[in-house]
N, C-alpha and C. Protein backbone atom coordinates (compact mmCIF):
# COMPACT_ATOMS: atom_id res chain seq x y z
N MET A 1 -36.95 53.05 -38.46
CA MET A 1 -37.53 51.75 -37.93
C MET A 1 -37.96 50.54 -38.47
N ASN A 2 -37.79 49.42 -38.95
CA ASN A 2 -38.74 48.97 -39.11
C ASN A 2 -39.42 48.06 -38.00
N LEU A 3 -40.00 46.65 -37.64
CA LEU A 3 -41.49 46.31 -37.32
C LEU A 3 -40.32 45.39 -36.77
N GLY A 4 -39.38 45.07 -36.24
CA GLY A 4 -38.00 44.39 -35.65
C GLY A 4 -37.90 45.18 -35.14
N GLN A 5 -37.25 46.37 -34.93
CA GLN A 5 -36.37 47.04 -33.97
C GLN A 5 -37.48 47.83 -33.04
N SER A 6 -39.13 48.23 -33.73
CA SER A 6 -39.55 48.53 -32.64
C SER A 6 -40.09 47.52 -31.61
N MET A 7 -40.18 46.32 -31.64
CA MET A 7 -40.06 45.66 -30.81
C MET A 7 -39.55 45.13 -29.92
N LEU A 8 -38.03 45.21 -30.10
CA LEU A 8 -36.77 45.10 -29.56
C LEU A 8 -37.21 46.42 -28.58
N VAL A 9 -37.27 47.95 -29.03
CA VAL A 9 -37.00 48.90 -27.96
C VAL A 9 -38.53 49.10 -27.38
N ILE A 10 -39.87 48.55 -27.46
CA ILE A 10 -40.73 47.90 -26.90
C ILE A 10 -40.46 46.96 -25.78
N ALA A 11 -40.34 45.38 -25.93
CA ALA A 11 -39.51 45.11 -24.76
C ALA A 11 -37.87 45.10 -24.12
N ALA A 12 -37.18 46.19 -24.49
CA ALA A 12 -36.40 46.99 -24.05
C ALA A 12 -36.98 47.83 -22.76
N MET A 13 -38.04 48.72 -23.06
CA MET A 13 -38.84 49.38 -22.88
C MET A 13 -39.13 48.88 -21.10
N ALA A 14 -39.93 47.28 -21.68
CA ALA A 14 -40.75 46.78 -20.69
C ALA A 14 -39.73 46.14 -19.74
N LEU A 15 -38.78 46.20 -19.91
CA LEU A 15 -37.98 45.49 -19.03
C LEU A 15 -36.93 46.28 -18.16
N LEU A 16 -36.77 47.65 -18.69
CA LEU A 16 -36.40 48.84 -17.93
C LEU A 16 -37.77 49.03 -16.84
N GLY A 17 -38.99 48.84 -17.28
CA GLY A 17 -39.54 48.89 -16.13
C GLY A 17 -39.73 48.13 -15.19
N PHE A 18 -39.55 46.98 -15.57
CA PHE A 18 -39.38 45.91 -14.28
C PHE A 18 -38.39 45.87 -13.68
N LEU A 19 -37.40 46.16 -14.00
CA LEU A 19 -35.38 46.49 -13.22
C LEU A 19 -36.34 47.84 -12.46
N ALA A 20 -36.84 48.64 -12.63
CA ALA A 20 -36.74 50.35 -11.90
C ALA A 20 -38.26 50.12 -10.99
N LEU A 21 -39.03 49.53 -11.00
CA LEU A 21 -40.03 48.94 -9.48
C LEU A 21 -39.58 47.27 -8.94
N SER A 22 -38.66 46.75 -9.52
CA SER A 22 -37.42 45.95 -9.00
C SER A 22 -36.89 46.18 -7.91
N ALA A 23 -36.17 47.61 -7.97
CA ALA A 23 -34.87 48.09 -7.25
C ALA A 23 -35.81 48.80 -6.72
N ASN A 24 -36.64 49.66 -6.88
CA ASN A 24 -37.76 50.53 -5.85
C ASN A 24 -37.88 49.45 -4.71
N SER A 25 -38.68 48.32 -4.92
CA SER A 25 -38.88 47.34 -3.93
C SER A 25 -38.26 47.47 -2.93
N SER A 26 -36.55 46.24 -3.72
CA SER A 26 -35.40 46.57 -2.89
C SER A 26 -35.26 47.66 -2.24
N VAL A 27 -35.44 48.80 -2.59
CA VAL A 27 -34.62 49.37 -1.66
C VAL A 27 -35.95 49.31 -1.14
N MET A 28 -37.10 49.91 -0.36
CA MET A 28 -38.15 49.70 0.03
C MET A 28 -37.78 48.64 0.96
N ASP A 29 -38.22 47.83 0.32
CA ASP A 29 -38.10 46.27 1.74
C ASP A 29 -36.18 46.50 2.52
N SER A 30 -35.31 47.17 1.97
CA SER A 30 -33.74 47.18 2.68
C SER A 30 -33.75 48.33 3.85
N THR A 31 -34.74 49.34 3.73
CA THR A 31 -34.88 50.54 4.95
C THR A 31 -36.20 49.96 5.46
N GLN A 32 -36.74 49.03 5.50
CA GLN A 32 -37.57 48.35 6.79
C GLN A 32 -37.02 47.37 7.03
N THR A 33 -36.20 46.82 6.95
CA THR A 33 -35.00 45.79 7.34
C THR A 33 -34.09 46.26 8.30
N SER A 34 -34.15 47.53 8.02
CA SER A 34 -32.78 48.23 8.49
C SER A 34 -33.60 48.96 9.58
N ASP A 35 -34.66 49.56 9.40
CA ASP A 35 -35.82 50.62 10.30
C ASP A 35 -35.76 49.81 11.51
N ASN A 36 -36.30 48.48 11.06
CA ASN A 36 -36.73 47.05 12.31
C ASN A 36 -35.40 46.62 13.32
N SER A 37 -34.60 46.47 12.42
CA SER A 37 -32.96 46.40 13.31
C SER A 37 -32.78 47.50 14.28
N GLU A 38 -32.71 48.35 13.61
CA GLU A 38 -32.84 50.24 14.39
C GLU A 38 -33.10 49.50 15.46
N PHE A 39 -34.64 49.22 15.32
CA PHE A 39 -35.67 49.52 16.42
C PHE A 39 -35.31 48.47 17.39
N GLY A 40 -34.77 47.41 16.82
CA GLY A 40 -34.61 45.60 17.68
C GLY A 40 -32.95 46.27 18.48
N VAL A 41 -32.14 46.97 18.05
CA VAL A 41 -30.95 47.09 18.75
C VAL A 41 -31.03 48.00 19.77
N THR A 42 -31.67 48.82 19.36
CA THR A 42 -32.08 49.68 20.46
C THR A 42 -33.18 49.96 21.78
N ALA A 43 -33.65 48.95 21.58
CA ALA A 43 -34.99 48.26 22.65
C ALA A 43 -33.91 47.71 23.52
N VAL A 44 -33.32 46.66 22.48
CA VAL A 44 -32.85 46.11 23.69
C VAL A 44 -31.58 46.42 24.66
N SER A 45 -31.18 47.70 24.05
CA SER A 45 -30.05 47.83 24.60
C SER A 45 -30.40 48.98 26.03
N LEU A 46 -31.76 49.37 25.58
CA LEU A 46 -33.02 50.39 26.83
C LEU A 46 -33.07 48.82 27.73
N ALA A 47 -33.12 48.07 27.49
CA ALA A 47 -34.04 47.70 28.31
C ALA A 47 -33.19 47.17 28.82
N THR A 48 -31.87 46.51 28.83
CA THR A 48 -31.08 45.75 29.43
C THR A 48 -30.33 46.95 30.49
N SER A 49 -30.03 48.00 30.02
CA SER A 49 -29.77 49.08 31.10
C SER A 49 -30.95 48.95 32.09
N ILE A 50 -32.22 49.38 31.92
CA ILE A 50 -32.81 49.18 32.91
C ILE A 50 -32.46 48.29 34.23
N ILE A 51 -32.66 46.53 33.27
CA ILE A 51 -32.61 45.33 33.99
C ILE A 51 -31.02 45.62 34.87
N GLN A 52 -29.97 45.64 34.23
CA GLN A 52 -28.77 46.40 34.97
C GLN A 52 -29.09 46.81 36.59
N GLU A 53 -29.47 47.77 35.99
CA GLU A 53 -29.48 49.05 36.61
C GLU A 53 -30.57 48.42 38.25
N ALA A 54 -31.51 48.13 38.08
CA ALA A 54 -32.62 47.54 38.78
C ALA A 54 -31.72 46.24 39.88
N MET A 55 -30.36 45.27 38.68
CA MET A 55 -30.16 44.14 39.82
C MET A 55 -29.16 45.04 40.58
N SER A 56 -28.70 46.30 40.00
CA SER A 56 -28.10 46.63 41.39
C SER A 56 -28.01 47.61 42.10
N LYS A 57 -29.68 47.15 42.83
CA LYS A 57 -30.12 47.47 43.70
C LYS A 57 -30.13 46.58 44.88
N MET A 58 -30.33 46.64 46.05
CA MET A 58 -31.50 45.92 47.07
C MET A 58 -31.83 44.70 46.63
N PHE A 59 -32.12 43.27 47.15
CA PHE A 59 -33.26 42.08 47.01
C PHE A 59 -34.15 42.98 47.65
N ASP A 60 -34.56 44.03 48.63
CA ASP A 60 -36.08 44.01 49.33
C ASP A 60 -35.61 45.06 50.17
N GLU A 61 -36.96 45.76 50.39
CA GLU A 61 -36.45 47.34 51.49
C GLU A 61 -35.84 46.92 52.95
N VAL A 62 -36.53 45.32 53.28
CA VAL A 62 -35.80 44.80 54.29
C VAL A 62 -34.52 44.62 54.36
N THR A 63 -33.83 44.43 53.33
CA THR A 63 -32.69 44.01 52.94
C THR A 63 -31.54 44.96 53.30
N VAL A 64 -32.16 46.06 52.45
CA VAL A 64 -31.70 47.27 52.92
C VAL A 64 -31.34 47.71 53.81
N ASP A 65 -32.05 47.97 54.80
CA ASP A 65 -32.21 48.30 56.50
C ASP A 65 -31.63 47.17 57.43
N SER A 66 -31.99 45.96 57.31
CA SER A 66 -31.45 44.83 57.97
C SER A 66 -30.23 44.22 57.66
N GLY A 67 -30.36 44.02 55.91
CA GLY A 67 -29.17 42.63 56.03
C GLY A 67 -29.21 41.43 55.85
N ALA A 68 -29.75 41.58 56.49
CA ALA A 68 -29.95 39.93 57.20
C ALA A 68 -31.39 39.52 57.32
N VAL A 69 -31.91 38.48 56.38
CA VAL A 69 -32.83 37.99 56.36
C VAL A 69 -32.86 36.36 56.07
N THR A 70 -33.87 35.52 57.10
CA THR A 70 -33.22 34.34 57.68
C THR A 70 -34.45 33.57 56.93
N ASP A 71 -35.63 34.23 56.44
CA ASP A 71 -36.86 33.16 56.03
C ASP A 71 -37.90 34.38 55.02
N PRO A 72 -38.01 33.99 54.32
CA PRO A 72 -39.03 34.72 53.36
C PRO A 72 -40.05 35.39 53.61
N SER A 73 -40.66 34.96 54.78
CA SER A 73 -41.88 35.48 55.28
C SER A 73 -41.05 36.68 56.21
N GLN A 74 -39.90 37.69 56.29
CA GLN A 74 -39.20 38.35 56.84
C GLN A 74 -39.22 39.35 55.56
N LEU A 75 -39.46 39.16 54.54
CA LEU A 75 -39.61 39.96 53.48
C LEU A 75 -40.43 40.48 53.26
N THR A 76 -40.85 41.49 52.59
CA THR A 76 -42.28 42.73 52.39
C THR A 76 -42.75 41.77 51.60
N PRO A 77 -43.95 41.65 52.35
CA PRO A 77 -45.21 41.06 51.62
C PRO A 77 -45.62 42.45 50.10
N SER A 78 -46.10 41.16 48.78
CA SER A 78 -46.84 41.58 47.90
C SER A 78 -47.47 42.94 47.85
N PRO A 79 -48.17 43.02 48.23
CA PRO A 79 -49.45 44.14 48.03
C PRO A 79 -48.33 45.65 48.65
N PHE A 80 -47.48 45.56 48.98
CA PHE A 80 -46.67 46.41 50.40
C PHE A 80 -45.56 46.86 49.42
N TRP A 81 -45.01 46.00 48.61
CA TRP A 81 -43.59 46.10 48.27
C TRP A 81 -43.78 46.78 46.60
N MET A 82 -44.74 46.57 45.86
CA MET A 82 -44.69 47.31 44.45
C MET A 82 -45.08 48.55 44.41
N HIS A 83 -44.13 49.03 43.82
CA HIS A 83 -43.53 50.33 43.35
C HIS A 83 -42.84 51.24 44.54
N ARG A 84 -42.47 51.83 44.22
CA ARG A 84 -41.51 52.94 45.09
C ARG A 84 -41.43 53.43 46.38
N ASP A 85 -40.51 53.52 47.04
CA ASP A 85 -41.47 54.03 48.58
C ASP A 85 -41.08 55.20 48.82
N PRO A 86 -42.27 55.86 49.34
CA PRO A 86 -42.62 57.17 49.74
C PRO A 86 -41.29 58.08 49.60
N GLY A 87 -41.18 59.11 48.68
CA GLY A 87 -39.85 60.09 48.93
C GLY A 87 -39.00 59.75 47.77
N GLU A 88 -38.76 58.61 47.55
CA GLU A 88 -37.94 57.72 46.46
C GLU A 88 -38.44 58.54 45.10
N HIS A 89 -37.09 58.60 44.27
CA HIS A 89 -37.29 58.83 42.88
C HIS A 89 -36.57 58.40 42.33
N TYR A 90 -36.80 58.03 40.92
CA TYR A 90 -35.33 57.61 40.15
C TYR A 90 -34.62 58.49 39.59
N ARG A 91 -33.02 57.52 39.85
CA ARG A 91 -32.13 58.67 40.31
C ARG A 91 -32.15 60.00 40.59
N GLY A 92 -32.95 59.56 42.04
CA GLY A 92 -33.03 60.59 42.65
C GLY A 92 -32.21 61.72 43.37
N GLY A 93 -30.96 61.56 43.52
CA GLY A 93 -29.70 61.61 44.24
C GLY A 93 -29.48 60.41 45.99
N VAL A 94 -30.02 61.09 46.69
CA VAL A 94 -30.13 60.45 48.32
C VAL A 94 -31.24 59.81 48.15
N ASN A 95 -32.59 60.03 47.49
CA ASN A 95 -33.80 59.90 47.45
C ASN A 95 -33.60 58.65 46.47
N ASP A 96 -32.76 58.37 46.10
CA ASP A 96 -32.93 56.84 44.61
C ASP A 96 -33.32 55.65 44.95
N PHE A 97 -33.83 55.02 44.03
CA PHE A 97 -34.82 53.94 44.69
C PHE A 97 -33.12 53.16 45.17
N ASP A 98 -33.37 52.07 46.17
CA ASP A 98 -32.58 51.25 46.62
C ASP A 98 -32.78 49.38 46.99
N ASP A 99 -34.02 49.55 45.97
CA ASP A 99 -34.33 48.24 45.75
C ASP A 99 -35.26 48.03 44.50
N ILE A 100 -34.79 46.43 44.49
CA ILE A 100 -35.82 45.97 42.46
C ILE A 100 -36.53 46.53 42.58
N SER A 101 -37.28 46.16 43.87
CA SER A 101 -38.96 46.40 43.50
C SER A 101 -39.42 47.91 43.51
N ASP A 102 -38.73 48.90 43.80
CA ASP A 102 -38.69 50.35 43.64
C ASP A 102 -39.53 50.48 41.78
N PHE A 103 -38.50 49.39 40.90
CA PHE A 103 -38.81 49.86 39.80
C PHE A 103 -40.47 48.94 39.25
N ASP A 104 -40.85 48.68 39.81
CA ASP A 104 -42.09 48.35 39.13
C ASP A 104 -42.66 49.18 38.98
N SER A 105 -44.30 48.84 37.78
CA SER A 105 -44.68 49.20 36.87
C SER A 105 -43.92 51.04 37.12
N MET A 106 -43.34 50.98 36.60
CA MET A 106 -42.41 52.07 36.35
C MET A 106 -42.57 52.41 34.77
N LEU A 107 -42.76 53.42 33.97
CA LEU A 107 -43.00 53.88 32.48
C LEU A 107 -42.15 54.72 32.54
N PHE A 108 -40.54 54.64 31.50
CA PHE A 108 -40.18 55.18 31.13
C PHE A 108 -39.90 55.73 29.55
N VAL A 109 -40.31 57.01 29.13
CA VAL A 109 -39.99 57.08 27.65
C VAL A 109 -38.72 57.92 27.29
N TYR A 110 -37.83 57.52 26.03
CA TYR A 110 -36.94 58.01 25.46
C TYR A 110 -37.25 58.59 24.48
N THR A 111 -36.57 59.42 24.20
CA THR A 111 -37.29 60.40 23.10
C THR A 111 -35.71 61.46 22.50
N SER A 112 -35.99 61.88 21.55
CA SER A 112 -34.84 62.58 20.77
C SER A 112 -35.28 64.30 21.25
N PRO A 113 -33.65 64.88 21.28
CA PRO A 113 -34.08 66.08 21.43
C PRO A 113 -34.69 66.95 20.58
N LEU A 114 -35.79 66.33 19.24
CA LEU A 114 -36.47 67.62 18.85
C LEU A 114 -37.78 67.15 19.16
N ASP A 115 -38.05 66.41 19.81
CA ASP A 115 -39.41 65.87 20.09
C ASP A 115 -39.33 65.75 21.86
N PRO A 116 -38.51 67.08 22.74
CA PRO A 116 -38.96 66.71 23.73
C PRO A 116 -40.22 66.55 24.87
N ALA A 117 -41.29 66.49 24.34
CA ALA A 117 -42.62 66.84 24.78
C ALA A 117 -42.54 65.61 26.16
N PRO A 118 -42.49 65.95 27.20
CA PRO A 118 -43.23 65.05 28.40
C PRO A 118 -44.38 64.07 27.82
N GLU A 119 -44.21 62.92 27.91
CA GLU A 119 -45.11 62.06 27.83
C GLU A 119 -46.63 61.31 29.06
N PRO A 120 -47.21 62.06 28.57
CA PRO A 120 -48.35 62.06 30.08
C PRO A 120 -48.38 60.27 30.52
N GLY A 121 -48.68 60.52 31.77
CA GLY A 121 -48.50 59.65 32.28
C GLY A 121 -46.93 59.00 32.66
N ALA A 122 -45.79 59.21 31.76
CA ALA A 122 -44.95 58.90 32.37
C ALA A 122 -43.93 59.69 33.62
N ASP A 123 -43.34 58.02 34.47
CA ASP A 123 -42.38 58.27 35.39
C ASP A 123 -41.87 59.22 35.04
N THR A 124 -40.77 59.31 34.10
CA THR A 124 -39.61 59.63 33.17
C THR A 124 -39.31 59.98 32.08
N THR A 125 -39.07 61.31 31.65
CA THR A 125 -39.00 60.94 30.33
C THR A 125 -37.09 61.51 30.08
N ILE A 126 -36.24 60.83 28.92
CA ILE A 126 -35.18 60.72 28.98
C ILE A 126 -34.62 61.08 27.95
N ILE A 127 -34.28 62.38 27.64
CA ILE A 127 -33.65 63.29 26.21
C ILE A 127 -32.39 62.04 25.91
N VAL A 128 -32.08 61.37 24.72
CA VAL A 128 -30.87 60.84 23.55
C VAL A 128 -30.80 61.31 23.11
N PRO A 129 -29.38 62.27 22.72
CA PRO A 129 -28.94 62.61 21.14
C PRO A 129 -29.13 61.64 20.28
N GLY A 130 -29.88 61.41 19.21
CA GLY A 130 -29.14 60.14 18.31
C GLY A 130 -30.68 59.48 18.23
N ILE A 131 -31.48 59.65 18.89
CA ILE A 131 -33.06 58.32 18.66
C ILE A 131 -33.35 59.41 17.58
N ARG A 132 -34.04 58.14 17.21
CA ARG A 132 -35.26 58.46 16.06
C ARG A 132 -36.15 57.91 16.13
N ASP A 133 -36.60 57.68 17.48
CA ASP A 133 -38.75 57.49 17.39
C ASP A 133 -38.96 57.38 19.11
N ARG A 134 -39.50 57.17 19.41
CA ARG A 134 -39.63 57.13 21.08
C ARG A 134 -40.27 56.24 21.54
N TYR A 135 -39.40 55.62 22.41
CA TYR A 135 -39.55 53.68 23.05
C TYR A 135 -40.41 54.76 24.17
N PHE A 136 -40.96 53.35 24.45
CA PHE A 136 -42.37 53.45 26.01
C PHE A 136 -40.97 51.91 26.43
N VAL A 137 -40.33 51.99 27.95
CA VAL A 137 -39.90 51.47 28.56
C VAL A 137 -40.94 51.09 30.05
N ARG A 138 -41.58 49.83 29.83
CA ARG A 138 -42.41 49.71 31.08
C ARG A 138 -41.67 48.45 32.13
N THR A 139 -41.82 48.45 33.25
CA THR A 139 -41.44 47.77 33.91
C THR A 139 -42.45 46.69 34.84
N ARG A 140 -42.07 45.32 35.40
CA ARG A 140 -42.31 44.43 35.88
C ARG A 140 -42.19 44.18 36.99
N VAL A 141 -42.35 43.50 38.32
CA VAL A 141 -40.99 42.87 39.33
C VAL A 141 -42.38 42.33 40.29
N GLN A 142 -42.28 41.39 40.04
CA GLN A 142 -42.97 40.40 40.94
C GLN A 142 -42.17 39.20 41.34
N TYR A 143 -42.13 38.80 42.55
CA TYR A 143 -42.37 37.28 43.72
C TYR A 143 -42.36 36.21 42.20
N VAL A 144 -41.94 35.43 42.46
CA VAL A 144 -41.88 34.22 41.27
C VAL A 144 -41.49 32.58 42.15
N ASP A 145 -41.83 31.91 42.11
CA ASP A 145 -42.09 30.26 42.34
C ASP A 145 -40.61 29.71 41.72
N PRO A 146 -39.70 29.35 42.68
CA PRO A 146 -38.40 28.76 42.87
C PRO A 146 -38.27 27.81 42.06
N ASN A 147 -39.45 26.81 41.91
CA ASN A 147 -39.27 26.15 40.92
C ASN A 147 -39.43 25.99 39.41
N ASN A 148 -40.25 26.97 39.60
CA ASN A 148 -40.77 27.48 38.42
C ASN A 148 -40.70 29.23 38.04
N LEU A 149 -40.00 29.71 37.28
CA LEU A 149 -39.41 31.24 37.42
C LEU A 149 -40.18 32.38 36.41
N ASP A 150 -41.06 31.06 35.87
CA ASP A 150 -42.34 31.53 34.82
C ASP A 150 -43.55 31.92 35.29
N GLN A 151 -43.69 31.05 36.81
CA GLN A 151 -44.70 31.21 37.48
C GLN A 151 -44.60 32.44 38.86
N VAL A 152 -45.45 33.33 38.38
CA VAL A 152 -45.48 34.20 39.74
C VAL A 152 -46.64 33.95 40.98
N VAL A 153 -46.01 34.29 42.21
CA VAL A 153 -46.45 33.91 43.19
C VAL A 153 -47.07 34.81 44.16
N ALA A 154 -48.00 35.15 44.67
CA ALA A 154 -48.89 36.09 45.94
C ALA A 154 -47.56 36.70 46.93
N GLY A 155 -47.15 35.40 47.27
CA GLY A 155 -46.33 35.36 49.14
C GLY A 155 -44.64 35.59 48.66
N PRO A 156 -43.96 36.09 48.99
CA PRO A 156 -42.51 36.53 49.35
C PRO A 156 -41.85 35.31 48.95
N THR A 157 -40.88 35.06 48.04
CA THR A 157 -39.86 33.84 47.77
C THR A 157 -38.42 34.88 47.92
N TRP A 158 -37.12 33.82 47.74
CA TRP A 158 -36.46 34.27 47.38
C TRP A 158 -35.64 34.78 46.24
N HIS A 159 -36.87 34.89 45.21
CA HIS A 159 -36.70 34.98 43.45
C HIS A 159 -37.50 36.24 43.52
N LYS A 160 -36.95 37.48 43.09
CA LYS A 160 -37.71 38.41 42.07
C LYS A 160 -37.45 38.77 40.54
N ARG A 161 -38.85 38.80 39.73
CA ARG A 161 -38.21 38.54 38.79
C ARG A 161 -38.57 40.21 37.74
N ILE A 162 -37.75 40.62 37.06
CA ILE A 162 -38.53 42.07 36.20
C ILE A 162 -38.40 41.48 34.70
N VAL A 163 -39.87 42.04 34.54
CA VAL A 163 -39.83 42.48 32.76
C VAL A 163 -39.72 43.76 32.39
N VAL A 164 -39.22 43.92 31.33
CA VAL A 164 -38.54 44.68 31.15
C VAL A 164 -39.22 45.19 29.64
N THR A 165 -40.40 45.99 29.24
CA THR A 165 -41.30 45.73 27.88
C THR A 165 -40.83 46.90 27.11
N VAL A 166 -40.49 46.58 26.15
CA VAL A 166 -40.51 47.75 24.49
C VAL A 166 -41.05 48.03 23.93
N THR A 167 -41.35 49.34 23.77
CA THR A 167 -42.34 49.86 22.73
C THR A 167 -42.15 50.83 21.93
N SER A 168 -42.09 50.88 20.97
CA SER A 168 -42.25 52.15 20.30
C SER A 168 -43.62 52.92 19.71
N SER A 169 -43.68 54.31 19.36
CA SER A 169 -44.44 54.74 18.53
C SER A 169 -45.00 54.59 17.07
N SER A 170 -43.96 54.12 16.96
CA SER A 170 -45.09 53.54 15.16
C SER A 170 -45.33 52.26 15.64
N PRO A 171 -46.60 52.19 15.05
CA PRO A 171 -47.44 50.71 15.19
C PRO A 171 -47.20 49.63 14.62
N ARG A 172 -46.48 50.09 13.76
CA ARG A 172 -46.08 48.49 13.18
C ARG A 172 -44.66 47.73 13.44
N ARG A 173 -43.91 48.38 14.75
CA ARG A 173 -43.14 47.80 15.41
C ARG A 173 -43.50 46.33 16.35
N ASP A 174 -42.89 44.99 16.86
CA ASP A 174 -43.02 44.81 17.55
C ASP A 174 -43.02 45.13 19.10
N THR A 175 -43.54 44.31 20.08
CA THR A 175 -43.11 45.16 21.41
C THR A 175 -41.74 43.65 22.32
N ILE A 176 -41.11 44.59 22.19
CA ILE A 176 -40.04 42.91 22.54
C ILE A 176 -40.07 43.49 24.49
N ALA A 177 -39.67 42.63 24.68
CA ALA A 177 -40.10 42.43 26.24
C ALA A 177 -38.56 41.79 26.77
N ILE A 178 -38.34 41.80 28.10
CA ILE A 178 -36.53 40.78 28.70
C ILE A 178 -36.96 41.05 29.59
N PRO A 179 -37.00 39.60 30.40
CA PRO A 179 -37.00 39.44 31.87
C PRO A 179 -35.93 38.77 32.73
N ALA A 180 -35.58 38.96 33.74
CA ALA A 180 -34.51 38.89 34.19
C ALA A 180 -34.85 38.38 36.11
N VAL A 181 -33.91 37.49 36.55
CA VAL A 181 -34.94 36.90 37.65
C VAL A 181 -33.94 37.43 39.16
N MET A 182 -33.79 37.69 39.95
CA MET A 182 -33.15 38.27 40.84
C MET A 182 -33.37 37.09 41.99
N SER A 183 -32.25 36.58 42.82
CA SER A 183 -32.19 36.00 43.67
C SER A 183 -31.81 36.77 44.92
N TYR A 184 -32.00 36.29 46.08
CA TYR A 184 -31.66 36.55 47.55
C TYR A 184 -30.86 35.32 48.05
N TRP A 185 -29.73 35.26 48.71
CA TRP A 185 -28.77 34.21 48.80
C TRP A 185 -28.44 34.66 50.26
């Protein structure tokens, strides 16, 4: 082997090394993109599910009992309607949540059958086959200003906003927050 052939072999080895590192980097990038996409799709699905379930309930405890409210002052005042009513439980059969306010300040934990341990402080832990991470779904329900649905108000109005926030046990994931407004007419 002469000097020219040796130089070609060295250049080919350097090129092969560069291609191997580039391929490895591309695989790592696509794996991270795939994981982030999986988190995003799962988080949006979980948040949407909670929002749809909350929106299927009555607007307020007063509307559950009487059904007819003609003035917002008849609605349950803010300090009293937050959280679920005594004796009510999420998906509790006859004691199930009956109005959107019952979803306020809930922590749902979705986890894999491989990691079924309850989460301390969670209101409910739901085991989902095929899920690959632990998802923390938090809810907040508040009265909002009818002219600015982003503005939380202290007193009762005809509009309540639920914000569902989803995070995961992985520290490198963003938080997804989805709001929805329920109105009483």
